[in-house]
Amino acid sequence: MVKWGDLIAVHVTKEWADAMGEMTWLQFIKKEDTATGRVFLARLVSTEHVTGLWIEPATSTGKNDVMYVPWPVILAIRSESEEARRQLDSDS
């Protein structure tokens, strides 16, 4: 289950990503780009809105920024809780 504050990777349509343009705090994962989609990292704010997902920056850059991503442009969401990520980092 995805919850507030979780670090997520959001796979969106390439058209939407290109229309948004470059945003300094939106961290796209270039190696995961496909012909039809792009993937970026963010922190989850809310999934409760019926028309889209609310996110904030994955890092402290732009920490006060919040962004809305419409459900129709989201192809997939991968999540990993901060606690699990810290545990993985300490195990390596």
C-alpha atoms as a PDB file:
ATOM      1  CA  MET A   1       0.000   0.000   0.000  1.00  0.00           C
ATOM      2  CA  VAL A   2       1.283   3.434  -0.940  1.00  0.00           C
ATOM      3  CA  LYS A   3       1.031   6.122   1.733  1.00  0.00           C
ATOM      4  CA  TRP A   4       1.879   9.770   2.251  1.00  0.00           C
ATOM      5  CA  GLY A   5       5.620  10.443   2.130  1.00  0.00           C
ATOM      6  CA  ASP A   6       6.557   7.268   0.257  1.00  0.00           C
ATOM      7  CA  LEU A   7       9.186   7.616  -2.439  1.00  0.00           C
ATOM      8  CA  ILE A   8       7.588   6.596  -5.729  1.00  0.00           C
ATOM      9  CA  ALA A   9       8.566   6.201  -9.368  1.00  0.00           C
ATOM     10  CA  VAL A  10       5.798   7.433 -11.656  1.00  0.00           C
ATOM     11  CA  HIS A  11       5.672   6.231 -15.272  1.00  0.00           C
ATOM     12  CA  VAL A  12       3.801   8.834 -17.349  1.00  0.00           C
ATOM     13  CA  THR A  13       3.074   9.296 -21.027  1.00  0.00           C
ATOM     14  CA  LYS A  14       5.881  10.920 -22.971  1.00  0.00           C
ATOM     15  CA  GLU A  15       3.416  13.481 -24.400  1.00  0.00           C
ATOM     16  CA  TRP A  16       2.497  14.688 -20.908  1.00  0.00           C
ATOM     17  CA  ALA A  17       6.124  14.804 -19.746  1.00  0.00           C
ATOM     18  CA  ASP A  18       7.144  16.765 -22.846  1.00  0.00           C
ATOM     19  CA  ALA A  19       4.200  19.161 -22.430  1.00  0.00           C
ATOM     20  CA  MET A  20       5.246  19.835 -18.813  1.00  0.00           C
ATOM     21  CA  GLY A  21       8.714  20.864 -19.979  1.00  0.00           C
ATOM     22  CA  GLU A  22      11.791  20.877 -17.809  1.00  0.00           C
ATOM     23  CA  MET A  23      11.120  21.297 -14.120  1.00  0.00           C
ATOM     24  CA  THR A  24      14.202  21.533 -11.952  1.00  0.00           C
ATOM     25  CA  TRP A  25      12.827  19.387  -9.123  1.00  0.00           C
ATOM     26  CA  LEU A  26      11.212  16.687 -11.263  1.00  0.00           C
ATOM     27  CA  GLN A  27      13.861  13.956 -11.462  1.00  0.00           C
ATOM     28  CA  PHE A  28      13.368  11.894 -14.613  1.00  0.00           C
ATOM     29  CA  ILE A  29      15.168   8.543 -14.773  1.00  0.00           C
ATOM     30  CA  LYS A  30      16.653   8.793 -18.277  1.00  0.00           C
ATOM     31  CA  LYS A  31      17.601   5.098 -18.496  1.00  0.00           C
ATOM     32  CA  GLU A  32      13.912   4.164 -18.087  1.00  0.00           C
ATOM     33  CA  ASP A  33      12.656   6.366 -20.946  1.00  0.00           C
ATOM     34  CA  THR A  34      10.696   4.500 -23.611  1.00  0.00           C
ATOM     35  CA  ALA A  35       9.194   5.567 -26.919  1.00  0.00           C
ATOM     36  CA  THR A  36       5.868   6.210 -25.167  1.00  0.00           C
ATOM     37  CA  GLY A  37       6.739   7.051 -21.568  1.00  0.00           C
ATOM     38  CA  ARG A  38       9.057   8.621 -19.043  1.00  0.00           C
ATOM     39  CA  VAL A  39       9.653   7.826 -15.371  1.00  0.00           C
ATOM     40  CA  PHE A  40      10.326  10.293 -12.562  1.00  0.00           C
ATOM     41  CA  LEU A  41      10.880  10.113  -8.812  1.00  0.00           C
ATOM     42  CA  ALA A  42       8.695  11.940  -6.322  1.00  0.00           C
ATOM     43  CA  ARG A  43       7.197  11.697  -2.854  1.00  0.00           C
ATOM     44  CA  LEU A  44       3.541  10.856  -2.570  1.00  0.00           C
ATOM     45  CA  VAL A  45       1.255  13.528  -1.138  1.00  0.00           C
ATOM     46  CA  SER A  46      -2.152  12.011  -1.944  1.00  0.00           C
ATOM     47  CA  THR A  47      -3.877   9.402  -4.092  1.00  0.00           C
ATOM     48  CA  GLU A  48      -7.327  10.306  -2.808  1.00  0.00           C
ATOM     49  CA  HIS A  49      -8.308  12.754  -5.535  1.00  0.00           C
ATOM     50  CA  VAL A  50     -10.538  11.013  -8.095  1.00  0.00           C
ATOM     51  CA  THR A  51      -8.894  12.682 -11.088  1.00  0.00           C
ATOM     52  CA  GLY A  52      -5.213  12.453 -10.216  1.00  0.00           C
ATOM     53  CA  LEU A  53      -2.191  12.006  -8.006  1.00  0.00           C
ATOM     54  CA  TRP A  54      -0.564  14.728  -5.860  1.00  0.00           C
ATOM     55  CA  ILE A  55       3.217  14.607  -5.483  1.00  0.00           C
ATOM     56  CA  GLU A  56       6.095  16.658  -4.112  1.00  0.00           C
ATOM     57  CA  PRO A  57       9.835  16.614  -4.853  1.00  0.00           C
ATOM     58  CA  ALA A  58      11.796  13.458  -3.989  1.00  0.00           C
ATOM     59  CA  THR A  59      14.599  15.664  -2.633  1.00  0.00           C
ATOM     60  CA  SER A  60      14.707  18.854  -0.608  1.00  0.00           C
ATOM     61  CA  THR A  61      14.998  20.938  -3.813  1.00  0.00           C
ATOM     62  CA  GLY A  62      11.654  22.675  -4.290  1.00  0.00           C
ATOM     63  CA  LYS A  63      10.356  21.050  -1.109  1.00  0.00           C
ATOM     64  CA  ASN A  64       7.413  23.447  -0.903  1.00  0.00           C
ATOM     65  CA  ASP A  65       6.263  22.574  -4.426  1.00  0.00           C
ATOM     66  CA  VAL A  66       3.315  20.263  -4.918  1.00  0.00           C
ATOM     67  CA  MET A  67       2.300  18.933  -8.314  1.00  0.00           C
ATOM     68  CA  TYR A  68      -0.841  17.316  -9.683  1.00  0.00           C
ATOM     69  CA  VAL A  69      -0.563  14.443 -12.200  1.00  0.00           C
ATOM     70  CA  PRO A  70      -3.838  13.377 -13.907  1.00  0.00           C
ATOM     71  CA  TRP A  71      -4.644   9.644 -13.718  1.00  0.00           C
ATOM     72  CA  PRO A  72      -5.063   9.284 -17.519  1.00  0.00           C
ATOM     73  CA  VAL A  73      -1.375  10.139 -18.114  1.00  0.00           C
ATOM     74  CA  ILE A  74      -0.069   7.742 -15.446  1.00  0.00           C
ATOM     75  CA  LEU A  75       0.971   4.408 -16.911  1.00  0.00           C
ATOM     76  CA  ALA A  76       2.349   2.853 -13.694  1.00  0.00           C
ATOM     77  CA  ILE A  77       3.502   3.662 -10.153  1.00  0.00           C
ATOM     78  CA  ARG A  78       6.241   1.842  -8.277  1.00  0.00           C
ATOM     79  CA  SER A  79       6.680   2.495  -4.596  1.00  0.00           C
ATOM     80  CA  GLU A  80       9.081   1.810  -1.806  1.00  0.00           C
ATOM     81  CA  SER A  81       8.626   3.180   1.685  1.00  0.00           C
ATOM     82  CA  GLU A  82      11.320   5.430   3.101  1.00  0.00           C
ATOM     83  CA  GLU A  83      11.878   2.946   5.915  1.00  0.00           C
ATOM     84  CA  ALA A  84      12.433   0.082   3.453  1.00  0.00           C
ATOM     85  CA  ARG A  85      14.766   2.252   1.364  1.00  0.00           C
ATOM     86  CA  ARG A  86      16.845   3.160   4.432  1.00  0.00           C
ATOM     87  CA  GLN A  87      17.024  -0.520   5.406  1.00  0.00           C
ATOM     88  CA  LEU A  88      18.209  -1.470   1.912  1.00  0.00           C
ATOM     89  CA  ASP A  89      20.826   1.317   1.976  1.00  0.00           C
ATOM     90  CA  SER A  90      22.167   0.149   5.361  1.00  0.00           C
ATOM     91  CA  ASP A  91      22.338  -3.487   4.215  1.00  0.00           C
ATOM     92  CA  SER A  92      24.548  -2.674   1.221  1.00  0.00           C
END
